[in-house]
Amino acid sequence: MNSVQDQLTLLLRAYRTIRFCDACLALKMGAFPREVREAAVLIGNGFQISSGKCSECLQEKTVVRALAA
């Protein structure tokens, strides 16, 4: 089975440029928000973590997205 980090990378690349908060990503992935938050910090280049509006819940939160290539 893929790690949370691998799953997160695949999901964010599939939804390139769309911003997600930890809670919404966790729901999509079937993981805990803390696992998603930790994985987001580790995925590195090609991804951006910033303050903004989540595309799913529309709340202002810390969000992550894949950068367009």
PDB file of N, CA and C in Angstrom:
ATOM      1  N   MET A   1       0.841  -1.187   0.000  1.00  0.00           N
ATOM      2  CA  MET A   1       0.000   0.000   0.000  1.00  0.00           C
ATOM      3  C   MET A   1       0.882   1.244   0.000  1.00  0.00           C
ATOM      4  N   ASN A   2       0.460   2.260  -0.706  1.00  0.00           N
ATOM      5  CA  ASN A   2       1.213   3.503  -0.778  1.00  0.00           C
ATOM      6  C   ASN A   2       1.183   4.237   0.552  1.00  0.00           C
ATOM      7  N   SER A   3       2.267   4.944   0.828  1.00  0.00           N
ATOM      8  CA  SER A   3       2.312   5.765   2.033  1.00  0.00           C
ATOM      9  C   SER A   3       1.381   6.963   1.866  1.00  0.00           C
ATOM     10  N   VAL A   4       1.074   7.622   2.965  1.00  0.00           N
ATOM     11  CA  VAL A   4       0.237   8.824   2.916  1.00  0.00           C
ATOM     12  C   VAL A   4       0.919   9.869   2.040  1.00  0.00           C
ATOM     13  N   GLN A   5       2.230   9.958   2.121  1.00  0.00           N
ATOM     14  CA  GLN A   5       2.975  10.921   1.309  1.00  0.00           C
ATOM     15  C   GLN A   5       2.805  10.619  -0.187  1.00  0.00           C
ATOM     16  N   ASP A   6       2.881   9.343  -0.574  1.00  0.00           N
ATOM     17  CA  ASP A   6       2.693   8.954  -1.980  1.00  0.00           C
ATOM     18  C   ASP A   6       1.261   9.244  -2.438  1.00  0.00           C
ATOM     19  N   GLN A   7       0.298   8.901  -1.610  1.00  0.00           N
ATOM     20  CA  GLN A   7      -1.107   9.149  -1.947  1.00  0.00           C
ATOM     21  C   GLN A   7      -1.371  10.641  -2.113  1.00  0.00           C
ATOM     22  N   LEU A   8      -0.800  11.437  -1.211  1.00  0.00           N
ATOM     23  CA  LEU A   8      -0.985  12.884  -1.268  1.00  0.00           C
ATOM     24  C   LEU A   8      -0.380  13.455  -2.551  1.00  0.00           C
ATOM     25  N   THR A   9       0.806  13.017  -2.888  1.00  0.00           N
ATOM     26  CA  THR A   9       1.465  13.489  -4.103  1.00  0.00           C
ATOM     27  C   THR A   9       0.615  13.182  -5.332  1.00  0.00           C
ATOM     28  N   LEU A  10       0.112  11.961  -5.432  1.00  0.00           N
ATOM     29  CA  LEU A  10      -0.720  11.572  -6.579  1.00  0.00           C
ATOM     30  C   LEU A  10      -2.007  12.385  -6.639  1.00  0.00           C
ATOM     31  N   LEU A  11      -2.659  12.562  -5.500  1.00  0.00           N
ATOM     32  CA  LEU A  11      -3.917  13.308  -5.465  1.00  0.00           C
ATOM     33  C   LEU A  11      -3.713  14.766  -5.862  1.00  0.00           C
ATOM     34  N   LEU A  12      -2.696  15.403  -5.301  1.00  0.00           N
ATOM     35  CA  LEU A  12      -2.460  16.816  -5.617  1.00  0.00           C
ATOM     36  C   LEU A  12      -2.072  17.006  -7.082  1.00  0.00           C
ATOM     37  N   ARG A  13      -1.323  16.082  -7.624  1.00  0.00           N
ATOM     38  CA  ARG A  13      -0.969  16.188  -9.049  1.00  0.00           C
ATOM     39  C   ARG A  13      -2.182  15.979  -9.943  1.00  0.00           C
ATOM     40  N   ALA A  14      -3.093  15.110  -9.519  1.00  0.00           N
ATOM     41  CA  ALA A  14      -4.316  14.875 -10.299  1.00  0.00           C
ATOM     42  C   ALA A  14      -5.206  16.110 -10.311  1.00  0.00           C
ATOM     43  N   TYR A  15      -5.203  16.850  -9.216  1.00  0.00           N
ATOM     44  CA  TYR A  15      -6.003  18.073  -9.099  1.00  0.00           C
ATOM     45  C   TYR A  15      -5.098  19.296  -9.119  1.00  0.00           C
ATOM     46  N   ARG A  16      -4.147  19.298 -10.021  1.00  0.00           N
ATOM     47  CA  ARG A  16      -3.132  20.349 -10.102  1.00  0.00           C
ATOM     48  C   ARG A  16      -3.738  21.748 -10.009  1.00  0.00           C
ATOM     49  N   THR A  17      -3.124  22.589  -9.228  1.00  0.00           N
ATOM     50  CA  THR A  17      -3.455  24.001  -8.985  1.00  0.00           C
ATOM     51  C   THR A  17      -4.684  24.213  -8.089  1.00  0.00           C
ATOM     52  N   ILE A  18      -5.390  23.156  -7.685  1.00  0.00           N
ATOM     53  CA  ILE A  18      -6.539  23.305  -6.797  1.00  0.00           C
ATOM     54  C   ILE A  18      -6.035  23.236  -5.360  1.00  0.00           C
ATOM     55  N   ARG A  19      -6.512  24.140  -4.518  1.00  0.00           N
ATOM     56  CA  ARG A  19      -6.056  24.226  -3.124  1.00  0.00           C
ATOM     57  C   ARG A  19      -6.945  23.384  -2.209  1.00  0.00           C
ATOM     58  N   PHE A  20      -6.300  22.639  -1.311  1.00  0.00           N
ATOM     59  CA  PHE A  20      -7.003  21.802  -0.350  1.00  0.00           C
ATOM     60  C   PHE A  20      -6.456  22.028   1.048  1.00  0.00           C
ATOM     61  N   CYS A  21      -7.335  22.034   2.046  1.00  0.00           N
ATOM     62  CA  CYS A  21      -6.890  22.067   3.440  1.00  0.00           C
ATOM     63  C   CYS A  21      -6.629  20.619   3.883  1.00  0.00           C
ATOM     64  N   ASP A  22      -5.981  20.477   5.031  1.00  0.00           N
ATOM     65  CA  ASP A  22      -5.649  19.146   5.551  1.00  0.00           C
ATOM     66  C   ASP A  22      -6.889  18.291   5.778  1.00  0.00           C
ATOM     67  N   ALA A  23      -7.940  18.899   6.328  1.00  0.00           N
ATOM     68  CA  ALA A  23      -9.155  18.143   6.644  1.00  0.00           C
ATOM     69  C   ALA A  23      -9.819  17.587   5.388  1.00  0.00           C
ATOM     70  N   CYS A  24      -9.916  18.392   4.347  1.00  0.00           N
ATOM     71  CA  CYS A  24     -10.552  17.936   3.097  1.00  0.00           C
ATOM     72  C   CYS A  24      -9.703  16.882   2.398  1.00  0.00           C
ATOM     73  N   LEU A  25      -8.385  17.057   2.420  1.00  0.00           N
ATOM     74  CA  LEU A  25      -7.503  16.039   1.849  1.00  0.00           C
ATOM     75  C   LEU A  25      -7.633  14.728   2.616  1.00  0.00           C
ATOM     76  N   ALA A  26      -7.714  14.820   3.935  1.00  0.00           N
ATOM     77  CA  ALA A  26      -7.850  13.619   4.753  1.00  0.00           C
ATOM     78  C   ALA A  26      -9.137  12.867   4.416  1.00  0.00           C
ATOM     79  N   LEU A  27     -10.235  13.595   4.221  1.00  0.00           N
ATOM     80  CA  LEU A  27     -11.496  12.954   3.835  1.00  0.00           C
ATOM     81  C   LEU A  27     -11.363  12.257   2.489  1.00  0.00           C
ATOM     82  N   LYS A  28     -10.724  12.911   1.525  1.00  0.00           N
ATOM     83  CA  LYS A  28     -10.555  12.328   0.192  1.00  0.00           C
ATOM     84  C   LYS A  28      -9.675  11.082   0.223  1.00  0.00           C
ATOM     85  N   MET A  29      -8.686  11.095   1.121  1.00  0.00           N
ATOM     86  CA  MET A  29      -7.696  10.020   1.155  1.00  0.00           C
ATOM     87  C   MET A  29      -8.019   8.925   2.161  1.00  0.00           C
ATOM     88  N   GLY A  30      -8.975   9.156   3.049  1.00  0.00           N
ATOM     89  CA  GLY A  30      -9.256   8.186   4.099  1.00  0.00           C
ATOM     90  C   GLY A  30      -8.145   8.140   5.133  1.00  0.00           C
ATOM     91  N   ALA A  31      -7.571   9.303   5.429  1.00  0.00           N
ATOM     92  CA  ALA A  31      -6.472   9.412   6.393  1.00  0.00           C
ATOM     93  C   ALA A  31      -6.859  10.416   7.473  1.00  0.00           C
ATOM     94  N   PHE A  32      -5.986  10.571   8.448  1.00  0.00           N
ATOM     95  CA  PHE A  32      -6.191  11.564   9.493  1.00  0.00           C
ATOM     96  C   PHE A  32      -5.569  12.891   9.072  1.00  0.00           C
ATOM     97  N   PRO A  33      -6.185  14.023   9.439  1.00  0.00           N
ATOM     98  CA  PRO A  33      -5.620  15.329   9.075  1.00  0.00           C
ATOM     99  C   PRO A  33      -4.159  15.502   9.500  1.00  0.00           C
ATOM    100  N   ARG A  34      -3.808  14.972  10.654  1.00  0.00           N
ATOM    101  CA  ARG A  34      -2.422  15.087  11.115  1.00  0.00           C
ATOM    102  C   ARG A  34      -1.452  14.356  10.171  1.00  0.00           C
ATOM    103  N   GLU A  35      -1.849  13.175   9.688  1.00  0.00           N
ATOM    104  CA  GLU A  35      -1.017  12.425   8.746  1.00  0.00           C
ATOM    105  C   GLU A  35      -0.828  13.215   7.458  1.00  0.00           C
ATOM    106  N   VAL A  36      -1.905  13.832   6.989  1.00  0.00           N
ATOM    107  CA  VAL A  36      -1.855  14.626   5.767  1.00  0.00           C
ATOM    108  C   VAL A  36      -0.956  15.843   5.960  1.00  0.00           C
ATOM    109  N   ARG A  37      -1.092  16.513   7.087  1.00  0.00           N
ATOM    110  CA  ARG A  37      -0.289  17.705   7.392  1.00  0.00           C
ATOM    111  C   ARG A  37       1.200  17.352   7.408  1.00  0.00           C
ATOM    112  N   GLU A  38       1.539  16.244   8.063  1.00  0.00           N
ATOM    113  CA  GLU A  38       2.938  15.810   8.127  1.00  0.00           C
ATOM    114  C   GLU A  38       3.461  15.430   6.747  1.00  0.00           C
ATOM    115  N   ALA A  39       2.647  14.750   5.954  1.00  0.00           N
ATOM    116  CA  ALA A  39       3.058  14.354   4.605  1.00  0.00           C
ATOM    117  C   ALA A  39       3.235  15.577   3.709  1.00  0.00           C
ATOM    118  N   ALA A  40       2.386  16.574   3.865  1.00  0.00           N
ATOM    119  CA  ALA A  40       2.470  17.789   3.041  1.00  0.00           C
ATOM    120  C   ALA A  40       3.790  18.508   3.271  1.00  0.00           C
ATOM    121  N   VAL A  41       4.262  18.512   4.493  1.00  0.00           N
ATOM    122  CA  VAL A  41       5.533  19.166   4.810  1.00  0.00           C
ATOM    123  C   VAL A  41       6.690  18.415   4.138  1.00  0.00           C
ATOM    124  N   LEU A  42       6.561  17.116   3.990  1.00  0.00           N
ATOM    125  CA  LEU A  42       7.647  16.288   3.459  1.00  0.00           C
ATOM    126  C   LEU A  42       7.686  16.185   1.939  1.00  0.00           C
ATOM    127  N   ILE A  43       6.612  16.528   1.229  1.00  0.00           N
ATOM    128  CA  ILE A  43       6.583  16.276  -0.221  1.00  0.00           C
ATOM    129  C   ILE A  43       7.493  17.194  -1.021  1.00  0.00           C
ATOM    130  N   GLY A  44       7.801  18.371  -0.503  1.00  0.00           N
ATOM    131  CA  GLY A  44       8.855  19.201  -1.083  1.00  0.00           C
ATOM    132  C   GLY A  44       8.524  19.945  -2.355  1.00  0.00           C
ATOM    133  N   ASN A  45       9.480  19.967  -3.265  1.00  0.00           N
ATOM    134  CA  ASN A  45       9.399  20.772  -4.493  1.00  0.00           C
ATOM    135  C   ASN A  45       8.205  20.390  -5.354  1.00  0.00           C
ATOM    136  N   GLY A  46       7.657  21.398  -6.019  1.00  0.00           N
ATOM    137  CA  GLY A  46       6.524  21.185  -6.909  1.00  0.00           C
ATOM    138  C   GLY A  46       5.182  21.367  -6.228  1.00  0.00           C
ATOM    139  N   PHE A  47       5.217  21.690  -4.929  1.00  0.00           N
ATOM    140  CA  PHE A  47       3.996  21.881  -4.158  1.00  0.00           C
ATOM    141  C   PHE A  47       4.124  23.156  -3.346  1.00  0.00           C
ATOM    142  N   GLN A  48       3.004  23.779  -3.055  1.00  0.00           N
ATOM    143  CA  GLN A  48       3.005  25.033  -2.314  1.00  0.00           C
ATOM    144  C   GLN A  48       2.047  24.930  -1.138  1.00  0.00           C
ATOM    145  N   ILE A  49       2.537  25.317   0.038  1.00  0.00           N
ATOM    146  CA  ILE A  49       1.710  25.415   1.236  1.00  0.00           C
ATOM    147  C   ILE A  49       1.594  26.893   1.567  1.00  0.00           C
ATOM    148  N   SER A  50       0.357  27.385   1.690  1.00  0.00           N
ATOM    149  CA  SER A  50       0.151  28.809   1.961  1.00  0.00           C
ATOM    150  C   SER A  50      -1.211  29.008   2.628  1.00  0.00           C
ATOM    151  N   SER A  51      -1.479  30.231   3.034  1.00  0.00           N
ATOM    152  CA  SER A  51      -2.804  30.579   3.532  1.00  0.00           C
ATOM    153  C   SER A  51      -3.695  30.850   2.332  1.00  0.00           C
ATOM    154  N   GLY A  52      -4.939  30.421   2.411  1.00  0.00           N
ATOM    155  CA  GLY A  52      -5.862  30.656   1.309  1.00  0.00           C
ATOM    156  C   GLY A  52      -7.170  29.941   1.537  1.00  0.00           C
ATOM    157  N   LYS A  53      -8.020  29.969   0.530  1.00  0.00           N
ATOM    158  CA  LYS A  53      -9.341  29.352   0.624  1.00  0.00           C
ATOM    159  C   LYS A  53      -9.275  27.937   0.056  1.00  0.00           C
ATOM    160  N   CYS A  54      -9.744  26.984   0.834  1.00  0.00           N
ATOM    161  CA  CYS A  54      -9.818  25.599   0.381  1.00  0.00           C
ATOM    162  C   CYS A  54     -10.892  25.495  -0.708  1.00  0.00           C
ATOM    163  N   SER A  55     -10.571  24.807  -1.776  1.00  0.00           N
ATOM    164  CA  SER A  55     -11.509  24.655  -2.888  1.00  0.00           C
ATOM    165  C   SER A  55     -12.683  23.735  -2.551  1.00  0.00           C
ATOM    166  N   GLU A  56     -12.544  22.917  -1.522  1.00  0.00           N
ATOM    167  CA  GLU A  56     -13.606  21.989  -1.136  1.00  0.00           C
ATOM    168  C   GLU A  56     -14.572  22.610  -0.122  1.00  0.00           C
ATOM    169  N   CYS A  57     -14.040  23.033   1.028  1.00  0.00           N
ATOM    170  CA  CYS A  57     -14.902  23.532   2.111  1.00  0.00           C
ATOM    171  C   CYS A  57     -15.078  25.054   2.081  1.00  0.00           C
ATOM    172  N   LEU A  58     -14.314  25.727   1.229  1.00  0.00           N
ATOM    173  CA  LEU A  58     -14.374  27.180   1.039  1.00  0.00           C
ATOM    174  C   LEU A  58     -14.023  27.977   2.295  1.00  0.00           C
ATOM    175  N   GLN A  59     -13.282  27.375   3.209  1.00  0.00           N
ATOM    176  CA  GLN A  59     -12.837  28.041   4.430  1.00  0.00           C
ATOM    177  C   GLN A  59     -11.432  28.598   4.228  1.00  0.00           C
ATOM    178  N   GLU A  60     -11.144  29.723   4.869  1.00  0.00           N
ATOM    179  CA  GLU A  60      -9.795  30.284   4.856  1.00  0.00           C
ATOM    180  C   GLU A  60      -8.949  29.483   5.834  1.00  0.00           C
ATOM    181  N   LYS A  61      -7.956  28.788   5.311  1.00  0.00           N
ATOM    182  CA  LYS A  61      -7.112  27.903   6.115  1.00  0.00           C
ATOM    183  C   LYS A  61      -5.724  27.846   5.484  1.00  0.00           C
ATOM    184  N   THR A  62      -4.852  27.052   6.083  1.00  0.00           N
ATOM    185  CA  THR A  62      -3.596  26.714   5.431  1.00  0.00           C
ATOM    186  C   THR A  62      -3.941  25.648   4.396  1.00  0.00           C
ATOM    187  N   VAL A  63      -3.524  25.889   3.150  1.00  0.00           N
ATOM    188  CA  VAL A  63      -3.865  24.987   2.048  1.00  0.00           C
ATOM    189  C   VAL A  63      -2.600  24.547   1.326  1.00  0.00           C
ATOM    190  N   VAL A  64      -2.720  23.450   0.614  1.00  0.00           N
ATOM    191  CA  VAL A  64      -1.612  22.912  -0.182  1.00  0.00           C
ATOM    192  C   VAL A  64      -2.116  22.669  -1.602  1.00  0.00           C
ATOM    193  N   ARG A  65      -1.212  22.859  -2.566  1.00  0.00           N
ATOM    194  CA  ARG A  65      -1.569  22.592  -3.968  1.00  0.00           C
ATOM    195  C   ARG A  65      -0.322  22.209  -4.731  1.00  0.00           C
ATOM    196  N   ALA A  66      -0.509  21.512  -5.827  1.00  0.00           N
ATOM    197  CA  ALA A  66       0.587  21.209  -6.743  1.00  0.00           C
ATOM    198  C   ALA A  66       0.755  22.405  -7.656  1.00  0.00           C
ATOM    199  N   LEU A  67       1.986  22.775  -7.900  1.00  0.00           N
ATOM    200  CA  LEU A  67       2.258  23.883  -8.811  1.00  0.00           C
ATOM    201  C   LEU A  67       2.165  23.394 -10.248  1.00  0.00           C
ATOM    202  N   ALA A  68       1.684  24.232 -11.142  1.00  0.00           N
ATOM    203  CA  ALA A  68       1.584  23.873 -12.560  1.00  0.00           C
ATOM    204  C   ALA A  68       2.989  23.705 -13.128  1.00  0.00           C
ATOM    205  N   ALA A  69       3.149  22.699 -13.932  1.00  0.00           N
ATOM    206  CA  ALA A  69       4.472  22.421 -14.527  1.00  0.00           C
ATOM    207  C   ALA A  69       4.766  23.334 -15.680  1.00  0.00           C
TER     208      ALA A  69
END
